[in-house]
Structures are given as structure tokens and as C-alpha cells.
Amino acid sequence: MEHPAFTLSGLCAVGGVMGYARKGSMPSLVAGTTFSIIYGVAGYLLKQNADYGLELALGASTTLLAAGIGRAIPSRFKKPVPLVLLVLGGVSSTYYARKYNEFYPIF
């Protein structure tokens, strides 16, 4: 369960650095680094079977999904970066919501 969190950590770091390198976007660098750290901590907690790892990963994924939606709507879903955020956030939110439901049945 920690592998997706570590993968998303790396993808967020690379995306933030790419956004800064290509456009000089400091918000991309800060957001990418922040999400990378959050996913890294979540992956570590999941690997150690510690409390709140699953919740942290789910929260970060949901926030990533919201950011993707917020950026995709003004561009009418045509720009690649918002679409990548939307897809990564959607897939990871679905994955971690299912895992959360396995451990703490809601539905």
C-alpha cells in the first residue's frame, strides 16, 4: 500500500521541478515539494504500519484531485498539466478510498 504513495511522491517532486524549470513557476515548485513530502510521509507511515498513513495519503490525493479540477475547468480540460493532476488525483483518491473502506468499512 505504500508503493503508490512513494510513486506519487516522486511524480509530484518531478512535476514541481519541471514547472519551475520550464516556466519559472514558484507555486509549482512549492506545491510539488509540499505534496512530495506529504506523500513521502504517508508512504513511510504506511510502510511502518503506523497510524494516519492511510488518512494522510487519502487527504493528499483528494487535495490533488481538487487542484486538478480547479485548474482544468478554466482551461476547458484541454491543457495537459491540469489533466495529469486530475487523473493522478482521481486514481489515487479512488485507490486510497477503497483501501480506507477495507480497513474502516463505511459502505
PDB file of N, CA and C in Angstrom:
ATOM      1  N   MET A   1       0.813  -1.189   0.000  1.00  0.00           N
ATOM      2  CA  MET A   1       0.000   0.000   0.000  1.00  0.00           C
ATOM      3  C   MET A   1       0.865   1.264   0.000  1.00  0.00           C
ATOM      4  N   GLU A   2       2.118   1.129   0.381  1.00  0.00           N
ATOM      5  CA  GLU A   2       2.973   2.313   0.416  1.00  0.00           C
ATOM      6  C   GLU A   2       3.583   2.639  -0.943  1.00  0.00           C
ATOM      7  N   HIS A   3       3.626   1.666  -1.861  1.00  0.00           N
ATOM      8  CA  HIS A   3       4.256   1.910  -3.158  1.00  0.00           C
ATOM      9  C   HIS A   3       3.594   3.038  -3.946  1.00  0.00           C
ATOM     10  N   PRO A   4       2.258   3.105  -4.024  1.00  0.00           N
ATOM     11  CA  PRO A   4       1.657   4.235  -4.731  1.00  0.00           C
ATOM     12  C   PRO A   4       1.997   5.582  -4.082  1.00  0.00           C
ATOM     13  N   ALA A   5       2.089   5.620  -2.773  1.00  0.00           N
ATOM     14  CA  ALA A   5       2.421   6.876  -2.095  1.00  0.00           C
ATOM     15  C   ALA A   5       3.840   7.324  -2.448  1.00  0.00           C
ATOM     16  N   PHE A   6       4.775   6.383  -2.463  1.00  0.00           N
ATOM     17  CA  PHE A   6       6.142   6.738  -2.829  1.00  0.00           C
ATOM     18  C   PHE A   6       6.238   7.137  -4.295  1.00  0.00           C
ATOM     19  N   THR A   7       5.487   6.470  -5.152  1.00  0.00           N
ATOM     20  CA  THR A   7       5.466   6.827  -6.573  1.00  0.00           C
ATOM     21  C   THR A   7       4.896   8.214  -6.775  1.00  0.00           C
ATOM     22  N   LEU A   8       3.783   8.509  -6.108  1.00  0.00           N
ATOM     23  CA  LEU A   8       3.188   9.840  -6.209  1.00  0.00           C
ATOM     24  C   LEU A   8       4.110  10.908  -5.629  1.00  0.00           C
ATOM     25  N   SER A   9       4.858  10.563  -4.603  1.00  0.00           N
ATOM     26  CA  SER A   9       5.831  11.490  -4.040  1.00  0.00           C
ATOM     27  C   SER A   9       6.856  11.885  -5.095  1.00  0.00           C
ATOM     28  N   GLY A  10       7.377  10.895  -5.791  1.00  0.00           N
ATOM     29  CA  GLY A  10       8.349  11.177  -6.840  1.00  0.00           C
ATOM     30  C   GLY A  10       7.755  11.953  -8.000  1.00  0.00           C
ATOM     31  N   LEU A  11       6.549  11.589  -8.412  1.00  0.00           N
ATOM     32  CA  LEU A  11       5.897  12.293  -9.523  1.00  0.00           C
ATOM     33  C   LEU A  11       5.611  13.753  -9.179  1.00  0.00           C
ATOM     34  N   CYS A  12       5.182  14.003  -7.956  1.00  0.00           N
ATOM     35  CA  CYS A  12       4.910  15.386  -7.542  1.00  0.00           C
ATOM     36  C   CYS A  12       6.189  16.212  -7.496  1.00  0.00           C
ATOM     37  N   ALA A  13       7.271  15.604  -7.015  1.00  0.00           N
ATOM     38  CA  ALA A  13       8.550  16.312  -6.975  1.00  0.00           C
ATOM     39  C   ALA A  13       9.022  16.655  -8.386  1.00  0.00           C
ATOM     40  N   VAL A  14       8.954  15.684  -9.285  1.00  0.00           N
ATOM     41  CA  VAL A  14       9.373  15.914 -10.665  1.00  0.00           C
ATOM     42  C   VAL A  14       8.488  16.967 -11.333  1.00  0.00           C
ATOM     43  N   GLY A  15       7.173  16.881 -11.112  1.00  0.00           N
ATOM     44  CA  GLY A  15       6.255  17.864 -11.696  1.00  0.00           C
ATOM     45  C   GLY A  15       6.505  19.273 -11.191  1.00  0.00           C
ATOM     46  N   GLY A  16       6.777  19.415  -9.917  1.00  0.00           N
ATOM     47  CA  GLY A  16       7.056  20.739  -9.362  1.00  0.00           C
ATOM     48  C   GLY A  16       8.343  21.330  -9.918  1.00  0.00           C
ATOM     49  N   VAL A  17       9.369  20.507 -10.020  1.00  0.00           N
ATOM     50  CA  VAL A  17      10.646  20.967 -10.571  1.00  0.00           C
ATOM     51  C   VAL A  17      10.504  21.302 -12.054  1.00  0.00           C
ATOM     52  N   MET A  18       9.745  20.487 -12.788  1.00  0.00           N
ATOM     53  CA  MET A  18       9.531  20.776 -14.214  1.00  0.00           C
ATOM     54  C   MET A  18       8.781  22.088 -14.413  1.00  0.00           C
ATOM     55  N   GLY A  19       7.757  22.321 -13.583  1.00  0.00           N
ATOM     56  CA  GLY A  19       7.016  23.568 -13.688  1.00  0.00           C
ATOM     57  C   GLY A  19       7.888  24.779 -13.411  1.00  0.00           C
ATOM     58  N   TYR A  20       8.794  24.632 -12.458  1.00  0.00           N
ATOM     59  CA  TYR A  20       9.708  25.734 -12.146  1.00  0.00           C
ATOM     60  C   TYR A  20      10.743  25.911 -13.249  1.00  0.00           C
ATOM     61  N   ALA A  21      11.276  24.810 -13.766  1.00  0.00           N
ATOM     62  CA  ALA A  21      12.311  24.883 -14.792  1.00  0.00           C
ATOM     63  C   ALA A  21      11.774  25.440 -16.106  1.00  0.00           C
ATOM     64  N   ARG A  22      10.574  25.042 -16.481  1.00  0.00           N
ATOM     65  CA  ARG A  22      10.021  25.459 -17.773  1.00  0.00           C
ATOM     66  C   ARG A  22       9.454  26.867 -17.752  1.00  0.00           C
ATOM     67  N   LYS A  23       8.734  27.208 -16.686  1.00  0.00           N
ATOM     68  CA  LYS A  23       8.024  28.489 -16.670  1.00  0.00           C
ATOM     69  C   LYS A  23       8.471  29.413 -15.543  1.00  0.00           C
ATOM     70  N   GLY A  24       9.379  28.949 -14.694  1.00  0.00           N
ATOM     71  CA  GLY A  24       9.798  29.753 -13.554  1.00  0.00           C
ATOM     72  C   GLY A  24       8.707  29.885 -12.502  1.00  0.00           C
ATOM     73  N   SER A  25       7.832  28.903 -12.431  1.00  0.00           N
ATOM     74  CA  SER A  25       6.684  28.957 -11.540  1.00  0.00           C
ATOM     75  C   SER A  25       7.059  28.512 -10.125  1.00  0.00           C
ATOM     76  N   MET A  26       7.189  29.473  -9.243  1.00  0.00           N
ATOM     77  CA  MET A  26       7.486  29.169  -7.853  1.00  0.00           C
ATOM     78  C   MET A  26       6.326  28.425  -7.182  1.00  0.00           C
ATOM     79  N   PRO A  27       5.036  28.754  -7.473  1.00  0.00           N
ATOM     80  CA  PRO A  27       3.953  27.971  -6.887  1.00  0.00           C
ATOM     81  C   PRO A  27       4.010  26.491  -7.271  1.00  0.00           C
ATOM     82  N   SER A  28       4.417  26.179  -8.493  1.00  0.00           N
ATOM     83  CA  SER A  28       4.554  24.781  -8.899  1.00  0.00           C
ATOM     84  C   SER A  28       5.627  24.085  -8.084  1.00  0.00           C
ATOM     85  N   LEU A  29       6.734  24.762  -7.871  1.00  0.00           N
ATOM     86  CA  LEU A  29       7.820  24.178  -7.097  1.00  0.00           C
ATOM     87  C   LEU A  29       7.399  23.944  -5.651  1.00  0.00           C
ATOM     88  N   VAL A  30       6.750  24.935  -5.058  1.00  0.00           N
ATOM     89  CA  VAL A  30       6.314  24.810  -3.666  1.00  0.00           C
ATOM     90  C   VAL A  30       5.253  23.716  -3.531  1.00  0.00           C
ATOM     91  N   ALA A  31       4.264  23.715  -4.414  1.00  0.00           N
ATOM     92  CA  ALA A  31       3.198  22.709  -4.341  1.00  0.00           C
ATOM     93  C   ALA A  31       3.750  21.312  -4.604  1.00  0.00           C
ATOM     94  N   GLY A  32       4.605  21.172  -5.600  1.00  0.00           N
ATOM     95  CA  GLY A  32       5.191  19.875  -5.899  1.00  0.00           C
ATOM     96  C   GLY A  32       6.021  19.349  -4.743  1.00  0.00           C
ATOM     97  N   THR A  33       6.811  20.222  -4.140  1.00  0.00           N
ATOM     98  CA  THR A  33       7.627  19.821  -2.994  1.00  0.00           C
ATOM     99  C   THR A  33       6.751  19.466  -1.800  1.00  0.00           C
ATOM    100  N   THR A  34       5.730  20.262  -1.553  1.00  0.00           N
ATOM    101  CA  THR A  34       4.836  20.001  -0.420  1.00  0.00           C
ATOM    102  C   THR A  34       4.117  18.671  -0.579  1.00  0.00           C
ATOM    103  N   PHE A  35       3.544  18.442  -1.742  1.00  0.00           N
ATOM    104  CA  PHE A  35       2.852  17.169  -1.980  1.00  0.00           C
ATOM    105  C   PHE A  35       3.826  16.000  -1.949  1.00  0.00           C
ATOM    106  N   SER A  36       5.026  16.208  -2.445  1.00  0.00           N
ATOM    107  CA  SER A  36       6.031  15.157  -2.402  1.00  0.00           C
ATOM    108  C   SER A  36       6.357  14.770  -0.965  1.00  0.00           C
ATOM    109  N   ILE A  37       6.511  15.743  -0.108  1.00  0.00           N
ATOM    110  CA  ILE A  37       6.797  15.471   1.302  1.00  0.00           C
ATOM    111  C   ILE A  37       5.610  14.777   1.962  1.00  0.00           C
ATOM    112  N   ILE A  38       4.410  15.257   1.690  1.00  0.00           N
ATOM    113  CA  ILE A  38       3.218  14.653   2.300  1.00  0.00           C
ATOM    114  C   ILE A  38       3.074  13.192   1.876  1.00  0.00           C
ATOM    115  N   TYR A  39       3.211  12.925   0.581  1.00  0.00           N
ATOM    116  CA  TYR A  39       3.112  11.543   0.109  1.00  0.00           C
ATOM    117  C   TYR A  39       4.264  10.693   0.652  1.00  0.00           C
ATOM    118  N   GLY A  40       5.451  11.276   0.761  1.00  0.00           N
ATOM    119  CA  GLY A  40       6.573  10.540   1.327  1.00  0.00           C
ATOM    120  C   GLY A  40       6.333  10.143   2.775  1.00  0.00           C
ATOM    121  N   VAL A  41       5.802  11.078   3.563  1.00  0.00           N
ATOM    122  CA  VAL A  41       5.481  10.781   4.959  1.00  0.00           C
ATOM    123  C   VAL A  41       4.375   9.731   5.033  1.00  0.00           C
ATOM    124  N   ALA A  42       3.367   9.870   4.181  1.00  0.00           N
ATOM    125  CA  ALA A  42       2.278   8.888   4.165  1.00  0.00           C
ATOM    126  C   ALA A  42       2.807   7.502   3.802  1.00  0.00           C
ATOM    127  N   GLY A  43       3.686   7.426   2.821  1.00  0.00           N
ATOM    128  CA  GLY A  43       4.278   6.151   2.450  1.00  0.00           C
ATOM    129  C   GLY A  43       5.099   5.551   3.575  1.00  0.00           C
ATOM    130  N   TYR A  44       5.840   6.384   4.262  1.00  0.00           N
ATOM    131  CA  TYR A  44       6.629   5.908   5.406  1.00  0.00           C
ATOM    132  C   TYR A  44       5.713   5.371   6.502  1.00  0.00           C
ATOM    133  N   LEU A  45       4.662   6.120   6.810  1.00  0.00           N
ATOM    134  CA  LEU A  45       3.725   5.674   7.843  1.00  0.00           C
ATOM    135  C   LEU A  45       3.033   4.373   7.441  1.00  0.00           C
ATOM    136  N   LEU A  46       2.677   4.263   6.173  1.00  0.00           N
ATOM    137  CA  LEU A  46       2.047   3.025   5.700  1.00  0.00           C
ATOM    138  C   LEU A  46       3.015   1.851   5.777  1.00  0.00           C
ATOM    139  N   LYS A  47       4.264   2.096   5.430  1.00  0.00           N
ATOM    140  CA  LYS A  47       5.256   1.029   5.480  1.00  0.00           C
ATOM    141  C   LYS A  47       5.501   0.561   6.914  1.00  0.00           C
ATOM    142  N   GLN A  48       5.478   1.498   7.849  1.00  0.00           N
ATOM    143  CA  GLN A  48       5.688   1.163   9.256  1.00  0.00           C
ATOM    144  C   GLN A  48       4.417   0.661   9.927  1.00  0.00           C
ATOM    145  N   ASN A  49       3.320   0.639   9.172  1.00  0.00           N
ATOM    146  CA  ASN A  49       2.013   0.250   9.696  1.00  0.00           C
ATOM    147  C   ASN A  49       1.609   1.137  10.877  1.00  0.00           C
ATOM    148  N   ALA A  50       1.955   2.406  10.774  1.00  0.00           N
ATOM    149  CA  ALA A  50       1.655   3.378  11.824  1.00  0.00           C
ATOM    150  C   ALA A  50       0.305   4.035  11.558  1.00  0.00           C
ATOM    151  N   ASP A  51      -0.176   4.728  12.561  1.00  0.00           N
ATOM    152  CA  ASP A  51      -1.456   5.422  12.441  1.00  0.00           C
ATOM    153  C   ASP A  51      -1.365   6.586  11.461  1.00  0.00           C
ATOM    154  N   TYR A  52      -2.482   6.878  10.833  1.00  0.00           N
ATOM    155  CA  TYR A  52      -2.719   8.051   9.995  1.00  0.00           C
ATOM    156  C   TYR A  52      -2.012   8.052   8.641  1.00  0.00           C
ATOM    157  N   GLY A  53      -1.329   6.993   8.254  1.00  0.00           N
ATOM    158  CA  GLY A  53      -0.708   6.951   6.940  1.00  0.00           C
ATOM    159  C   GLY A  53      -1.739   6.910   5.827  1.00  0.00           C
ATOM    160  N   LEU A  54      -2.748   6.082   6.001  1.00  0.00           N
ATOM    161  CA  LEU A  54      -3.806   5.952   5.006  1.00  0.00           C
ATOM    162  C   LEU A  54      -4.614   7.238   4.898  1.00  0.00           C
ATOM    163  N   GLU A  55      -4.912   7.828   6.028  1.00  0.00           N
ATOM    164  CA  GLU A  55      -5.682   9.077   6.029  1.00  0.00           C
ATOM    165  C   GLU A  55      -4.902  10.214   5.384  1.00  0.00           C
ATOM    166  N   LEU A  56      -3.599  10.262   5.631  1.00  0.00           N
ATOM    167  CA  LEU A  56      -2.765  11.304   5.046  1.00  0.00           C
ATOM    168  C   LEU A  56      -2.688  11.148   3.531  1.00  0.00           C
ATOM    169  N   ALA A  57      -2.519   9.914   3.064  1.00  0.00           N
ATOM    170  CA  ALA A  57      -2.472   9.663   1.624  1.00  0.00           C
ATOM    171  C   ALA A  57      -3.808   9.991   0.965  1.00  0.00           C
ATOM    172  N   LEU A  58      -4.902   9.634   1.619  1.00  0.00           N
ATOM    173  CA  LEU A  58      -6.225   9.946   1.077  1.00  0.00           C
ATOM    174  C   LEU A  58      -6.464  11.449   1.039  1.00  0.00           C
ATOM    175  N   GLY A  59      -6.058  12.146   2.072  1.00  0.00           N
ATOM    176  CA  GLY A  59      -6.222  13.604   2.100  1.00  0.00           C
ATOM    177  C   GLY A  59      -5.401  14.290   1.025  1.00  0.00           C
ATOM    178  N   ALA A  60      -4.166  13.855   0.836  1.00  0.00           N
ATOM    179  CA  ALA A  60      -3.327  14.437  -0.205  1.00  0.00           C
ATOM    180  C   ALA A  60      -3.889  14.143  -1.589  1.00  0.00           C
ATOM    181  N   SER A  61      -4.395  12.937  -1.776  1.00  0.00           N
ATOM    182  CA  SER A  61      -4.973  12.568  -3.075  1.00  0.00           C
ATOM    183  C   SER A  61      -6.222  13.374  -3.383  1.00  0.00           C
ATOM    184  N   THR A  62      -7.053  13.579  -2.375  1.00  0.00           N
ATOM    185  CA  THR A  62      -8.266  14.371  -2.563  1.00  0.00           C
ATOM    186  C   THR A  62      -7.923  15.826  -2.869  1.00  0.00           C
ATOM    187  N   THR A  63      -6.915  16.347  -2.198  1.00  0.00           N
ATOM    188  CA  THR A  63      -6.482  17.715  -2.466  1.00  0.00           C
ATOM    189  C   THR A  63      -5.896  17.843  -3.863  1.00  0.00           C
ATOM    190  N   LEU A  64      -5.152  16.837  -4.288  1.00  0.00           N
ATOM    191  CA  LEU A  64      -4.597  16.829  -5.645  1.00  0.00           C
ATOM    192  C   LEU A  64      -5.717  16.779  -6.681  1.00  0.00           C
ATOM    193  N   LEU A  65      -6.750  16.004  -6.409  1.00  0.00           N
ATOM    194  CA  LEU A  65      -7.912  15.943  -7.293  1.00  0.00           C
ATOM    195  C   LEU A  65      -8.606  17.305  -7.368  1.00  0.00           C
ATOM    196  N   ALA A  66      -8.793  17.946  -6.229  1.00  0.00           N
ATOM    197  CA  ALA A  66      -9.432  19.264  -6.208  1.00  0.00           C
ATOM    198  C   ALA A  66      -8.603  20.294  -6.968  1.00  0.00           C
ATOM    199  N   ALA A  67      -7.283  20.230  -6.826  1.00  0.00           N
ATOM    200  CA  ALA A  67      -6.416  21.147  -7.561  1.00  0.00           C
ATOM    201  C   ALA A  67      -6.516  20.901  -9.069  1.00  0.00           C
ATOM    202  N   GLY A  68      -6.590  19.629  -9.447  1.00  0.00           N
ATOM    203  CA  GLY A  68      -6.739  19.302 -10.864  1.00  0.00           C
ATOM    204  C   GLY A  68      -8.052  19.812 -11.435  1.00  0.00           C
ATOM    205  N   ILE A  69      -9.123  19.652 -10.671  1.00  0.00           N
ATOM    206  CA  ILE A  69     -10.423  20.160 -11.122  1.00  0.00           C
ATOM    207  C   ILE A  69     -10.392  21.679 -11.216  1.00  0.00           C
ATOM    208  N   GLY A  70      -9.813  22.307 -10.205  1.00  0.00           N
ATOM    209  CA  GLY A  70      -9.738  23.771 -10.193  1.00  0.00           C
ATOM    210  C   GLY A  70      -8.939  24.348 -11.343  1.00  0.00           C
ATOM    211  N   ARG A  71      -7.929  23.630 -11.780  1.00  0.00           N
ATOM    212  CA  ARG A  71      -7.113  24.108 -12.902  1.00  0.00           C
ATOM    213  C   ARG A  71      -7.657  23.650 -14.249  1.00  0.00           C
ATOM    214  N   ALA A  72      -8.390  22.548 -14.282  1.00  0.00           N
ATOM    215  CA  ALA A  72      -8.878  22.011 -15.554  1.00  0.00           C
ATOM    216  C   ALA A  72     -10.114  22.750 -16.061  1.00  0.00           C
ATOM    217  N   ILE A  73     -10.971  23.197 -15.165  1.00  0.00           N
ATOM    218  CA  ILE A  73     -12.208  23.858 -15.589  1.00  0.00           C
ATOM    219  C   ILE A  73     -11.931  25.134 -16.385  1.00  0.00           C
ATOM    220  N   PRO A  74     -11.068  26.058 -15.899  1.00  0.00           N
ATOM    221  CA  PRO A  74     -10.818  27.265 -16.704  1.00  0.00           C
ATOM    222  C   PRO A  74     -10.176  26.975 -18.063  1.00  0.00           C
ATOM    223  N   SER A  75      -9.412  25.903 -18.158  1.00  0.00           N
ATOM    224  CA  SER A  75      -8.774  25.572 -19.439  1.00  0.00           C
ATOM    225  C   SER A  75      -9.659  24.684 -20.306  1.00  0.00           C
ATOM    226  N   ARG A  76     -10.870  24.418 -19.832  1.00  0.00           N
ATOM    227  CA  ARG A  76     -11.836  23.569 -20.541  1.00  0.00           C
ATOM    228  C   ARG A  76     -11.276  22.173 -20.807  1.00  0.00           C
ATOM    229  N   PHE A  77     -10.478  21.680 -19.873  1.00  0.00           N
ATOM    230  CA  PHE A  77      -9.920  20.334 -19.912  1.00  0.00           C
ATOM    231  C   PHE A  77      -9.054  20.092 -21.148  1.00  0.00           C
ATOM    232  N   LYS A  78      -8.335  21.123 -21.601  1.00  0.00           N
ATOM    233  CA  LYS A  78      -7.504  20.987 -22.794  1.00  0.00           C
ATOM    234  C   LYS A  78      -6.011  21.030 -22.502  1.00  0.00           C
ATOM    235  N   LYS A  79      -5.600  21.578 -21.365  1.00  0.00           N
ATOM    236  CA  LYS A  79      -4.173  21.677 -21.063  1.00  0.00           C
ATOM    237  C   LYS A  79      -3.699  20.397 -20.379  1.00  0.00           C
ATOM    238  N   PRO A  80      -2.474  19.974 -20.678  1.00  0.00           N
ATOM    239  CA  PRO A  80      -2.013  18.683 -20.156  1.00  0.00           C
ATOM    240  C   PRO A  80      -1.750  18.658 -18.648  1.00  0.00           C
ATOM    241  N   VAL A  81      -1.218  19.715 -18.077  1.00  0.00           N
ATOM    242  CA  VAL A  81      -0.877  19.692 -16.649  1.00  0.00           C
ATOM    243  C   VAL A  81      -2.123  19.529 -15.774  1.00  0.00           C
ATOM    244  N   PRO A  82      -3.180  20.308 -15.996  1.00  0.00           N
ATOM    245  CA  PRO A  82      -4.378  20.068 -15.182  1.00  0.00           C
ATOM    246  C   PRO A  82      -4.973  18.676 -15.378  1.00  0.00           C
ATOM    247  N   LEU A  83      -4.879  18.148 -16.581  1.00  0.00           N
ATOM    248  CA  LEU A  83      -5.398  16.802 -16.833  1.00  0.00           C
ATOM    249  C   LEU A  83      -4.586  15.746 -16.087  1.00  0.00           C
ATOM    250  N   VAL A  84      -3.273  15.933 -16.031  1.00  0.00           N
ATOM    251  CA  VAL A  84      -2.429  14.991 -15.284  1.00  0.00           C
ATOM    252  C   VAL A  84      -2.774  15.062 -13.798  1.00  0.00           C
ATOM    253  N   LEU A  85      -2.933  16.274 -13.267  1.00  0.00           N
ATOM    254  CA  LEU A  85      -3.327  16.435 -11.865  1.00  0.00           C
ATOM    255  C   LEU A  85      -4.679  15.773 -11.608  1.00  0.00           C
ATOM    256  N   LEU A  86      -5.595  15.975 -12.525  1.00  0.00           N
ATOM    257  CA  LEU A  86      -6.934  15.413 -12.398  1.00  0.00           C
ATOM    258  C   LEU A  86      -6.903  13.883 -12.403  1.00  0.00           C
ATOM    259  N   VAL A  87      -6.160  13.305 -13.325  1.00  0.00           N
ATOM    260  CA  VAL A  87      -6.088  11.850 -13.426  1.00  0.00           C
ATOM    261  C   VAL A  87      -5.364  11.253 -12.213  1.00  0.00           C
ATOM    262  N   LEU A  88      -4.199  11.811 -11.868  1.00  0.00           N
ATOM    263  CA  LEU A  88      -3.464  11.298 -10.704  1.00  0.00           C
ATOM    264  C   LEU A  88      -4.278  11.432  -9.420  1.00  0.00           C
ATOM    265  N   GLY A  89      -4.917  12.583  -9.250  1.00  0.00           N
ATOM    266  CA  GLY A  89      -5.746  12.780  -8.065  1.00  0.00           C
ATOM    267  C   GLY A  89      -6.944  11.852  -8.044  1.00  0.00           C
ATOM    268  N   GLY A  90      -7.566  11.646  -9.177  1.00  0.00           N
ATOM    269  CA  GLY A  90      -8.739  10.776  -9.247  1.00  0.00           C
ATOM    270  C   GLY A  90      -8.409   9.317  -8.992  1.00  0.00           C
ATOM    271  N   VAL A  91      -7.347   8.842  -9.649  1.00  0.00           N
ATOM    272  CA  VAL A  91      -6.959   7.442  -9.479  1.00  0.00           C
ATOM    273  C   VAL A  91      -6.478   7.179  -8.052  1.00  0.00           C
ATOM    274  N   SER A  92      -5.640   8.071  -7.528  1.00  0.00           N
ATOM    275  CA  SER A  92      -5.118   7.849  -6.176  1.00  0.00           C
ATOM    276  C   SER A  92      -6.205   8.018  -5.120  1.00  0.00           C
ATOM    277  N   SER A  93      -7.134   8.947  -5.331  1.00  0.00           N
ATOM    278  CA  SER A  93      -8.245   9.102  -4.388  1.00  0.00           C
ATOM    279  C   SER A  93      -9.114   7.851  -4.367  1.00  0.00           C
ATOM    280  N   THR A  94      -9.388   7.310  -5.540  1.00  0.00           N
ATOM    281  CA  THR A  94     -10.183   6.089  -5.618  1.00  0.00           C
ATOM    282  C   THR A  94      -9.459   4.933  -4.937  1.00  0.00           C
ATOM    283  N   TYR A  95      -8.172   4.794  -5.194  1.00  0.00           N
ATOM    284  CA  TYR A  95      -7.399   3.710  -4.598  1.00  0.00           C
ATOM    285  C   TYR A  95      -7.391   3.813  -3.077  1.00  0.00           C
ATOM    286  N   TYR A  96      -7.064   4.976  -2.555  1.00  0.00           N
ATOM    287  CA  TYR A  96      -6.969   5.117  -1.103  1.00  0.00           C
ATOM    288  C   TYR A  96      -8.342   5.118  -0.431  1.00  0.00           C
ATOM    289  N   ALA A  97      -9.372   5.561  -1.126  1.00  0.00           N
ATOM    290  CA  ALA A  97     -10.723   5.466  -0.557  1.00  0.00           C
ATOM    291  C   ALA A  97     -11.147   4.003  -0.441  1.00  0.00           C
ATOM    292  N   ARG A  98     -10.807   3.196  -1.440  1.00  0.00           N
ATOM    293  CA  ARG A  98     -11.117   1.755  -1.362  1.00  0.00           C
ATOM    294  C   ARG A  98     -10.342   1.078  -0.238  1.00  0.00           C
ATOM    295  N   LYS A  99      -9.063   1.425  -0.112  1.00  0.00           N
ATOM    296  CA  LYS A  99      -8.259   0.846   0.960  1.00  0.00           C
ATOM    297  C   LYS A  99      -8.790   1.279   2.323  1.00  0.00           C
ATOM    298  N   TYR A 100      -9.197   2.526   2.432  1.00  0.00           N
ATOM    299  CA  TYR A 100      -9.756   3.022   3.688  1.00  0.00           C
ATOM    300  C   TYR A 100     -11.027   2.249   4.025  1.00  0.00           C
ATOM    301  N   ASN A 101     -11.845   2.009   3.011  1.00  0.00           N
ATOM    302  CA  ASN A 101     -13.093   1.278   3.215  1.00  0.00           C
ATOM    303  C   ASN A 101     -12.830  -0.181   3.608  1.00  0.00           C
ATOM    304  N   GLU A 102     -11.721  -0.755   3.158  1.00  0.00           N
ATOM    305  CA  GLU A 102     -11.368  -2.116   3.560  1.00  0.00           C
ATOM    306  C   GLU A 102     -11.072  -2.189   5.058  1.00  0.00           C
ATOM    307  N   PHE A 103     -10.373  -1.184   5.554  1.00  0.00           N
ATOM    308  CA  PHE A 103      -9.970  -1.187   6.970  1.00  0.00           C
ATOM    309  C   PHE A 103     -11.042  -0.637   7.892  1.00  0.00           C
ATOM    310  N   TYR A 104     -11.748   0.363   7.428  1.00  0.00           N
ATOM    311  CA  TYR A 104     -12.804   1.012   8.224  1.00  0.00           C
ATOM    312  C   TYR A 104     -14.075   1.054   7.376  1.00  0.00           C
ATOM    313  N   PRO A 105     -14.834  -0.038   7.331  1.00  0.00           N
ATOM    314  CA  PRO A 105     -15.992  -0.121   6.423  1.00  0.00           C
ATOM    315  C   PRO A 105     -16.990   1.019   6.637  1.00  0.00           C
ATOM    316  N   ILE A 106     -17.217   1.730   5.561  1.00  0.00           N
ATOM    317  CA  ILE A 106     -18.204   2.816   5.555  1.00  0.00           C
ATOM    318  C   ILE A 106     -19.419   2.378   4.749  1.00  0.00           C
ATOM    319  N   PHE A 107     -19.137   1.775   3.596  1.00  0.00           N
ATOM    320  CA  PHE A 107     -20.205   1.369   2.676  1.00  0.00           C
ATOM    321  C   PHE A 107     -20.404  -0.124   2.731  1.00  0.00           C
TER     322      PHE A 107
END
